[in-house]
């Protein structure tokens, strides 16, 4: 069995991140692999208008605050894990697409990510984990998070 060299852990900053990190860190340590942490900020509409009043400036300020907070939070996780600055990634876009792009760009061997195990219509429509699983060539370990 091929050892993993690069492990990607996408984080959404929910309370279950500790469970996902623990699994990813353990697998990385067993394999002597590098850990990459990724957070994706989902896109927001560029300009909202209501009766000809633009909230574009306020929206941009809010997006800047989200970007700044994302860097701080990801940095806190990285510091606890000893992950270098160069292995902390913040992207903007659709989470599944950004994860897939990072896998290709960095030649990731393993993704460790959470899934809430939704069923029925939500599973049919697809989740981030399901989309990633079906669009990458590397192994994907989903950590089942129970609500």
C-alpha atoms as a PDB file:
ATOM      1  CA  UNK A   1       0.000   0.000   0.000  1.00  0.00           C
ATOM      2  CA  UNK A   2       1.313   3.405  -0.988  1.00  0.00           C
ATOM      3  CA  UNK A   3       1.998   5.771   1.896  1.00  0.00           C
ATOM      4  CA  UNK A   4       0.310   9.159   1.815  1.00  0.00           C
ATOM      5  CA  UNK A   5       2.656  12.109   1.335  1.00  0.00           C
ATOM      6  CA  UNK A   6       0.213  15.027   1.308  1.00  0.00           C
ATOM      7  CA  UNK A   7      -2.982  15.158   3.356  1.00  0.00           C
ATOM      8  CA  UNK A   8      -5.545  17.906   2.752  1.00  0.00           C
ATOM      9  CA  UNK A   9      -7.929  18.807   5.571  1.00  0.00           C
ATOM     10  CA  UNK A  10     -10.682  21.190   4.427  1.00  0.00           C
ATOM     11  CA  UNK A  11     -12.210  23.033   7.387  1.00  0.00           C
ATOM     12  CA  UNK A  12     -15.502  24.893   7.613  1.00  0.00           C
ATOM     13  CA  UNK A  13     -14.947  26.238  11.156  1.00  0.00           C
ATOM     14  CA  UNK A  14     -17.898  24.356  12.636  1.00  0.00           C
ATOM     15  CA  UNK A  15     -17.657  22.702  16.034  1.00  0.00           C
ATOM     16  CA  UNK A  16     -16.867  19.317  14.470  1.00  0.00           C
ATOM     17  CA  UNK A  17     -13.513  20.445  13.055  1.00  0.00           C
ATOM     18  CA  UNK A  18     -11.621  18.934  16.003  1.00  0.00           C
ATOM     19  CA  UNK A  19     -12.835  15.443  15.060  1.00  0.00           C
ATOM     20  CA  UNK A  20     -11.775  15.901  11.452  1.00  0.00           C
ATOM     21  CA  UNK A  21      -8.389  17.350  12.401  1.00  0.00           C
ATOM     22  CA  UNK A  22      -7.680  14.482  14.812  1.00  0.00           C
ATOM     23  CA  UNK A  23      -8.266  11.878  12.083  1.00  0.00           C
ATOM     24  CA  UNK A  24      -6.270  13.798   9.485  1.00  0.00           C
ATOM     25  CA  UNK A  25      -3.382  14.478  11.839  1.00  0.00           C
ATOM     26  CA  UNK A  26      -3.194  10.828  12.933  1.00  0.00           C
ATOM     27  CA  UNK A  27      -3.106   9.584   9.333  1.00  0.00           C
ATOM     28  CA  UNK A  28      -0.487  12.172   8.386  1.00  0.00           C
ATOM     29  CA  UNK A  29       1.714  11.169  11.333  1.00  0.00           C
ATOM     30  CA  UNK A  30       1.437   7.448  10.542  1.00  0.00           C
ATOM     31  CA  UNK A  31       2.481   8.124   6.935  1.00  0.00           C
ATOM     32  CA  UNK A  32       5.003  10.903   7.576  1.00  0.00           C
ATOM     33  CA  UNK A  33       2.858  13.129   5.362  1.00  0.00           C
ATOM     34  CA  UNK A  34       2.593  16.898   5.114  1.00  0.00           C
ATOM     35  CA  UNK A  35      -0.701  18.424   6.213  1.00  0.00           C
ATOM     36  CA  UNK A  36      -2.417  21.145   4.220  1.00  0.00           C
ATOM     37  CA  UNK A  37      -5.311  23.032   5.788  1.00  0.00           C
ATOM     38  CA  UNK A  38      -7.908  24.637   3.529  1.00  0.00           C
ATOM     39  CA  UNK A  39     -10.835  26.914   4.196  1.00  0.00           C
ATOM     40  CA  UNK A  40     -13.123  28.098   1.407  1.00  0.00           C
ATOM     41  CA  UNK A  41     -15.124  31.292   1.740  1.00  0.00           C
ATOM     42  CA  UNK A  42     -18.300  30.853  -0.275  1.00  0.00           C
ATOM     43  CA  UNK A  43     -19.049  33.702  -2.726  1.00  0.00           C
ATOM     44  CA  UNK A  44     -21.486  36.459  -1.913  1.00  0.00           C
ATOM     45  CA  UNK A  45     -23.367  38.610  -4.417  1.00  0.00           C
ATOM     46  CA  UNK A  46     -21.321  41.621  -5.446  1.00  0.00           C
ATOM     47  CA  UNK A  47     -23.939  44.326  -4.969  1.00  0.00           C
ATOM     48  CA  UNK A  48     -27.311  44.351  -3.264  1.00  0.00           C
ATOM     49  CA  UNK A  49     -29.752  47.108  -4.116  1.00  0.00           C
ATOM     50  CA  UNK A  50     -33.003  48.040  -2.503  1.00  0.00           C
ATOM     51  CA  UNK A  51     -34.976  50.944  -3.906  1.00  0.00           C
ATOM     52  CA  UNK A  52     -31.863  52.266  -5.702  1.00  0.00           C
ATOM     53  CA  UNK A  53     -29.693  52.204  -2.562  1.00  0.00           C
ATOM     54  CA  UNK A  54     -26.478  50.265  -3.032  1.00  0.00           C
ATOM     55  CA  UNK A  55     -24.956  48.301  -0.185  1.00  0.00           C
ATOM     56  CA  UNK A  56     -21.836  47.449  -2.211  1.00  0.00           C
ATOM     57  CA  UNK A  57     -19.388  49.206   0.121  1.00  0.00           C
ATOM     58  CA  UNK A  58     -20.865  47.570   3.210  1.00  0.00           C
ATOM     59  CA  UNK A  59     -20.826  44.177   1.505  1.00  0.00           C
ATOM     60  CA  UNK A  60     -17.163  44.584   0.534  1.00  0.00           C
ATOM     61  CA  UNK A  61     -16.282  45.565   4.106  1.00  0.00           C
ATOM     62  CA  UNK A  62     -18.154  42.507   5.382  1.00  0.00           C
ATOM     63  CA  UNK A  63     -16.328  40.247   2.896  1.00  0.00           C
ATOM     64  CA  UNK A  64     -12.990  41.731   4.005  1.00  0.00           C
ATOM     65  CA  UNK A  65     -13.902  40.999   7.623  1.00  0.00           C
ATOM     66  CA  UNK A  66     -14.772  37.394   6.708  1.00  0.00           C
ATOM     67  CA  UNK A  67     -11.435  37.000   4.876  1.00  0.00           C
ATOM     68  CA  UNK A  68      -9.529  38.400   7.843  1.00  0.00           C
ATOM     69  CA  UNK A  69     -11.373  36.200  10.344  1.00  0.00           C
ATOM     70  CA  UNK A  70     -10.770  33.134   8.138  1.00  0.00           C
ATOM     71  CA  UNK A  71      -7.013  33.762   8.187  1.00  0.00           C
ATOM     72  CA  UNK A  72      -7.020  34.117  11.971  1.00  0.00           C
ATOM     73  CA  UNK A  73      -9.080  30.990  12.583  1.00  0.00           C
ATOM     74  CA  UNK A  74      -7.142  28.844  10.117  1.00  0.00           C
ATOM     75  CA  UNK A  75      -3.912  30.179  11.612  1.00  0.00           C
ATOM     76  CA  UNK A  76      -5.046  29.129  15.080  1.00  0.00           C
ATOM     77  CA  UNK A  77      -5.701  25.553  13.916  1.00  0.00           C
ATOM     78  CA  UNK A  78      -2.387  25.524  12.056  1.00  0.00           C
ATOM     79  CA  UNK A  79      -0.438  26.763  15.065  1.00  0.00           C
ATOM     80  CA  UNK A  80      -1.888  24.007  17.266  1.00  0.00           C
ATOM     81  CA  UNK A  81      -0.924  21.411  14.651  1.00  0.00           C
ATOM     82  CA  UNK A  82       2.466  22.855  13.654  1.00  0.00           C
ATOM     83  CA  UNK A  83       1.342  23.476  10.060  1.00  0.00           C
ATOM     84  CA  UNK A  84       3.541  25.955   8.164  1.00  0.00           C
ATOM     85  CA  UNK A  85       2.134  29.172   6.682  1.00  0.00           C
ATOM     86  CA  UNK A  86       2.779  27.824   3.180  1.00  0.00           C
ATOM     87  CA  UNK A  87       0.459  24.899   3.924  1.00  0.00           C
ATOM     88  CA  UNK A  88      -2.485  27.056   5.039  1.00  0.00           C
ATOM     89  CA  UNK A  89      -4.826  27.857   2.179  1.00  0.00           C
ATOM     90  CA  UNK A  90      -7.756  30.247   1.990  1.00  0.00           C
ATOM     91  CA  UNK A  91      -9.783  30.183  -1.204  1.00  0.00           C
ATOM     92  CA  UNK A  92     -12.954  31.857  -2.389  1.00  0.00           C
ATOM     93  CA  UNK A  93     -15.562  30.050  -4.440  1.00  0.00           C
ATOM     94  CA  UNK A  94     -17.662  26.916  -4.290  1.00  0.00           C
ATOM     95  CA  UNK A  95     -16.149  24.615  -1.660  1.00  0.00           C
ATOM     96  CA  UNK A  96     -16.168  21.412  -3.722  1.00  0.00           C
ATOM     97  CA  UNK A  97     -14.601  23.101  -6.747  1.00  0.00           C
ATOM     98  CA  UNK A  98     -11.877  24.755  -4.697  1.00  0.00           C
ATOM     99  CA  UNK A  99     -11.041  21.509  -2.894  1.00  0.00           C
ATOM    100  CA  UNK A 100     -10.817  19.717  -6.244  1.00  0.00           C
ATOM    101  CA  UNK A 101      -8.529  22.451  -7.630  1.00  0.00           C
ATOM    102  CA  UNK A 102      -6.196  22.277  -4.611  1.00  0.00           C
ATOM    103  CA  UNK A 103      -5.965  18.489  -4.956  1.00  0.00           C
ATOM    104  CA  UNK A 104      -4.806  18.846  -8.550  1.00  0.00           C
ATOM    105  CA  UNK A 105      -2.500  21.828  -7.915  1.00  0.00           C
ATOM    106  CA  UNK A 106      -0.678  20.253  -4.956  1.00  0.00           C
ATOM    107  CA  UNK A 107      -0.891  16.589  -5.987  1.00  0.00           C
ATOM    108  CA  UNK A 108      -2.733  15.685  -2.772  1.00  0.00           C
ATOM    109  CA  UNK A 109      -2.824  11.962  -1.881  1.00  0.00           C
ATOM    110  CA  UNK A 110      -5.597  12.018   0.728  1.00  0.00           C
ATOM    111  CA  UNK A 111      -8.453  14.332   1.694  1.00  0.00           C
ATOM    112  CA  UNK A 112      -9.860  14.061   5.216  1.00  0.00           C
ATOM    113  CA  UNK A 113     -13.163  15.894   5.489  1.00  0.00           C
ATOM    114  CA  UNK A 114     -16.376  15.834   7.465  1.00  0.00           C
ATOM    115  CA  UNK A 115     -19.786  14.757   6.364  1.00  0.00           C
ATOM    116  CA  UNK A 116     -23.017  14.984   8.262  1.00  0.00           C
ATOM    117  CA  UNK A 117     -24.406  11.884   6.589  1.00  0.00           C
ATOM    118  CA  UNK A 118     -27.591  13.494   5.364  1.00  0.00           C
ATOM    119  CA  UNK A 119     -29.941  11.203   3.540  1.00  0.00           C
ATOM    120  CA  UNK A 120     -32.819  11.417   1.146  1.00  0.00           C
ATOM    121  CA  UNK A 121     -33.146  14.565  -0.939  1.00  0.00           C
ATOM    122  CA  UNK A 122     -30.001  16.195   0.464  1.00  0.00           C
ATOM    123  CA  UNK A 123     -27.893  13.169  -0.483  1.00  0.00           C
ATOM    124  CA  UNK A 124     -29.503  13.051  -3.938  1.00  0.00           C
ATOM    125  CA  UNK A 125     -28.730  16.708  -4.554  1.00  0.00           C
ATOM    126  CA  UNK A 126     -25.201  16.168  -3.325  1.00  0.00           C
ATOM    127  CA  UNK A 127     -23.061  17.531  -0.574  1.00  0.00           C
ATOM    128  CA  UNK A 128     -19.573  18.975  -0.730  1.00  0.00           C
ATOM    129  CA  UNK A 129     -18.100  15.634   0.359  1.00  0.00           C
ATOM    130  CA  UNK A 130     -20.094  13.721  -2.245  1.00  0.00           C
ATOM    131  CA  UNK A 131     -19.073  16.104  -5.008  1.00  0.00           C
ATOM    132  CA  UNK A 132     -15.407  15.919  -4.027  1.00  0.00           C
ATOM    133  CA  UNK A 133     -15.520  12.135  -3.787  1.00  0.00           C
ATOM    134  CA  UNK A 134     -16.796  11.920  -7.352  1.00  0.00           C
ATOM    135  CA  UNK A 135     -14.367  14.431  -8.885  1.00  0.00           C
ATOM    136  CA  UNK A 136     -10.901  13.688  -7.487  1.00  0.00           C
ATOM    137  CA  UNK A 137      -8.455  10.885  -8.175  1.00  0.00           C
ATOM    138  CA  UNK A 138      -7.039  10.686  -4.650  1.00  0.00           C
ATOM    139  CA  UNK A 139      -8.418   8.865  -1.625  1.00  0.00           C
ATOM    140  CA  UNK A 140     -11.093  10.622   0.427  1.00  0.00           C
ATOM    141  CA  UNK A 141     -11.770   9.811   4.057  1.00  0.00           C
ATOM    142  CA  UNK A 142     -15.049  11.230   5.290  1.00  0.00           C
ATOM    143  CA  UNK A 143     -15.403  11.598   9.015  1.00  0.00           C
ATOM    144  CA  UNK A 144     -19.053  10.992   9.897  1.00  0.00           C
ATOM    145  CA  UNK A 145     -20.374  13.777  12.093  1.00  0.00           C
ATOM    146  CA  UNK A 146     -23.605  13.061  13.860  1.00  0.00           C
ATOM    147  CA  UNK A 147     -25.947  15.997  14.368  1.00  0.00           C
END
